[in-house]
Amino acid sequence: MSEAKIVFNFEGRDLTIQCSQDDKIKDICQKFSTKIESNINSLLFLYGGNKMNMELKLKEVANSIDINNKQMKVLVYKKENDDFVCPNCNTKIKLNTEKLDDITLSINNIKDTINGIKLNIDNIIKLSTNNNISIQIKNINIVLNTINEDINKNNEKLKNY
């Protein structure tokens, strides 16, 4: 598969790691952590605002723009005993990772549903007659309402957190 590079931003500095789009994220992040002489388990890797799934391949994680550019940018933060430090006041913040993982999973499910809707709309435009379009659009509207409810639930979870 095609060669690529990941630009890791850690403590305000960029460090580029060359890799293949077929490489697992875990292996690429391990190269980075070795290069900065740090334990991979003490680091948090974020891509697109989400924690990276270490078991997936680069081509499964990167968005289409980054795949075409053969480059992606990853933010790296140092973990401190599952605490995060507020950048403004330096107060340690204890995060409940179970709740965050639950919210992240829910958001990923919503993203998958939205992508399915996009494909459905494309198919409606290409294949349907006028009579069928209104019925299918009504079904899409029902799905969009469900997505909206899921987003509202996630917002409530975040407010409660």
Protein backbone atom coordinates (compact mmCIF):
# COMPACT_ATOMS: atom_id res chain seq x y z
CA MET A 1 0.00 0.00 0.00
CA SER A 2 0.99 3.61 -0.30
CA GLU A 3 3.53 5.30 1.90
CA ALA A 4 2.31 7.94 4.32
CA LYS A 5 3.46 10.03 7.24
CA ILE A 6 1.97 11.05 10.54
CA VAL A 7 2.86 14.39 12.06
CA PHE A 8 2.67 14.03 15.84
CA ASN A 9 2.29 17.28 17.77
CA PHE A 10 3.67 16.81 21.28
CA GLU A 11 4.42 19.60 23.73
CA GLY A 12 4.24 22.20 20.96
CA ARG A 13 6.66 20.42 18.65
CA ASP A 14 5.97 18.41 15.49
CA LEU A 15 7.65 15.08 14.87
CA THR A 16 7.02 13.15 11.64
CA ILE A 17 6.97 9.36 11.45
CA GLN A 18 7.10 7.66 8.05
CA CYS A 19 4.81 4.64 7.67
CA SER A 20 2.56 2.66 5.37
CA GLN A 21 -1.20 3.07 5.19
CA ASP A 22 -1.40 -0.65 6.08
CA ASP A 23 0.54 -0.17 9.35
CA LYS A 24 -1.38 -0.50 12.60
CA ILE A 25 -1.79 2.69 14.61
CA LYS A 26 -0.28 0.94 17.62
CA ASP A 27 2.96 0.24 15.72
CA ILE A 28 3.22 3.80 14.38
CA CYS A 29 2.57 5.30 17.83
CA GLN A 30 5.15 2.91 19.31
CA LYS A 31 7.75 4.26 16.85
CA PHE A 32 6.86 7.78 17.97
CA SER A 33 7.05 6.94 21.68
CA THR A 34 10.41 5.21 21.16
CA LYS A 35 11.72 8.23 19.30
CA ILE A 36 10.78 10.59 22.17
CA GLU A 37 11.97 8.00 24.72
CA SER A 38 8.60 7.68 26.43
CA ASN A 39 6.33 4.76 27.35
CA ILE A 40 3.45 4.48 24.86
CA ASN A 41 1.06 3.78 27.76
CA SER A 42 1.87 7.17 29.28
CA LEU A 43 0.69 8.98 26.14
CA LEU A 44 -2.75 9.84 24.79
CA PHE A 45 -3.10 10.02 20.98
CA LEU A 46 -5.94 12.11 19.51
CA TYR A 47 -6.99 12.34 15.87
CA GLY A 48 -9.92 14.49 14.83
CA GLY A 49 -10.69 15.12 18.49
CA ASN A 50 -11.10 11.42 19.25
CA LYS A 51 -8.87 8.93 21.01
CA MET A 52 -7.20 6.73 18.40
CA ASN A 53 -8.09 3.04 18.16
CA MET A 54 -4.67 1.38 18.36
CA GLU A 55 -5.87 -1.87 16.75
CA LEU A 56 -6.92 -0.31 13.44
CA LYS A 57 -4.73 0.32 10.43
CA LEU A 58 -3.82 3.84 9.36
CA LYS A 59 -6.07 3.64 6.28
CA GLU A 60 -9.01 2.66 8.54
CA VAL A 61 -8.51 5.64 10.84
CA ALA A 62 -7.56 8.47 8.49
CA ASN A 63 -10.23 10.53 6.78
CA SER A 64 -10.37 10.63 2.98
CA ILE A 65 -8.60 13.98 2.75
CA ASP A 66 -5.66 12.75 4.84
CA ILE A 67 -5.51 9.49 2.86
CA ASN A 68 -5.30 11.45 -0.41
CA ASN A 69 -2.64 13.76 1.05
CA LYS A 70 -0.81 10.75 2.54
CA GLN A 71 -0.38 12.71 5.76
CA MET A 72 -2.32 13.04 8.99
CA LYS A 73 -1.82 15.10 12.12
CA VAL A 74 -2.13 13.60 15.58
CA LEU A 75 -2.14 15.44 18.89
CA VAL A 76 -0.23 13.71 21.69
CA TYR A 77 -0.66 14.41 25.39
CA LYS A 78 1.17 12.97 28.35
CA LYS A 79 -1.06 11.05 30.75
CA GLU A 80 -0.62 11.69 34.45
CA ASN A 81 -2.24 8.80 36.30
CA ASP A 82 -5.46 9.19 34.30
CA ASP A 83 -5.53 12.85 35.27
CA PHE A 84 -5.52 15.72 32.83
CA VAL A 85 -4.24 19.16 33.67
CA CYS A 86 -6.26 22.25 32.81
CA PRO A 87 -4.07 24.35 30.51
CA ASN A 88 -5.40 27.58 32.08
CA CYS A 89 -5.17 26.94 35.82
CA ASN A 90 -3.00 23.75 36.00
CA THR A 91 -5.65 21.98 38.09
CA LYS A 92 -5.64 18.20 37.72
CA ILE A 93 -8.89 16.88 36.27
CA LYS A 94 -9.89 13.28 36.96
CA LEU A 95 -11.73 11.83 33.98
CA ASN A 96 -14.14 8.92 34.08
CA THR A 97 -12.87 7.07 31.02
CA GLU A 98 -15.85 4.69 30.99
CA LYS A 99 -18.26 7.58 30.42
CA LEU A 100 -15.97 9.11 27.81
CA ASP A 101 -15.66 5.79 25.98
CA ASP A 102 -19.46 5.41 26.07
CA ILE A 103 -19.95 8.89 24.61
CA THR A 104 -17.24 8.30 21.99
CA LEU A 105 -18.84 5.02 20.92
CA SER A 106 -22.22 6.71 20.65
CA ILE A 107 -20.78 9.53 18.55
CA ASN A 108 -19.07 7.02 16.26
CA ASN A 109 -22.38 5.19 15.81
CA ILE A 110 -24.04 8.48 14.89
CA LYS A 111 -21.29 9.19 12.34
CA ASP A 112 -21.82 5.74 10.78
CA THR A 113 -25.56 6.39 10.56
CA ILE A 114 -25.01 9.77 8.91
CA ASN A 115 -22.71 8.18 6.33
CA GLY A 116 -25.42 5.58 5.63
CA ILE A 117 -27.96 8.36 5.13
CA LYS A 118 -25.66 10.08 2.67
CA LEU A 119 -25.43 6.90 0.61
CA ASN A 120 -29.20 6.45 0.81
CA ILE A 121 -29.82 9.98 -0.46
CA ASP A 122 -27.40 9.39 -3.34
CA ASN A 123 -29.28 6.22 -4.27
CA ILE A 124 -32.63 8.02 -4.11
CA ILE A 125 -31.40 10.68 -6.49
CA LYS A 126 -29.95 8.13 -8.92
CA LEU A 127 -32.57 5.38 -8.90
CA SER A 128 -35.97 6.59 -7.78
CA THR A 129 -39.00 7.82 -9.66
CA ASN A 130 -40.90 10.85 -8.40
CA ASN A 131 -43.53 8.75 -6.58
CA ASN A 132 -40.95 6.81 -4.63
CA ILE A 133 -38.86 9.81 -3.71
CA SER A 134 -41.40 11.27 -1.28
CA ILE A 135 -41.78 7.96 0.56
CA GLN A 136 -38.04 7.46 0.85
CA ILE A 137 -37.45 11.05 1.94
CA LYS A 138 -40.02 10.53 4.72
CA ASN A 139 -38.07 7.47 5.88
CA ILE A 140 -34.85 9.46 5.85
CA ASN A 141 -36.57 12.15 7.91
CA ILE A 142 -37.46 9.53 10.54
CA VAL A 143 -33.83 8.40 10.68
CA LEU A 144 -32.62 11.99 10.97
CA ASN A 145 -35.01 12.58 13.86
CA THR A 146 -33.57 9.52 15.61
CA ILE A 147 -30.05 10.86 15.09
CA ASN A 148 -31.13 14.20 16.51
CA GLU A 149 -32.48 12.44 19.62
CA ASP A 150 -29.16 10.57 19.99
CA ILE A 151 -27.23 13.83 19.73
CA ASN A 152 -29.47 15.39 22.39
CA LYS A 153 -28.85 12.39 24.68
CA ASN A 154 -25.10 12.77 24.19
CA ASN A 155 -25.33 16.47 24.97
CA GLU A 156 -27.16 15.64 28.21
CA LYS A 157 -24.48 13.07 29.11
CA LEU A 158 -21.80 15.70 28.52
CA LYS A 159 -23.68 18.25 30.65
CA ASN A 160 -24.01 15.70 33.47
CA TYR A 161 -20.35 14.83 33.19
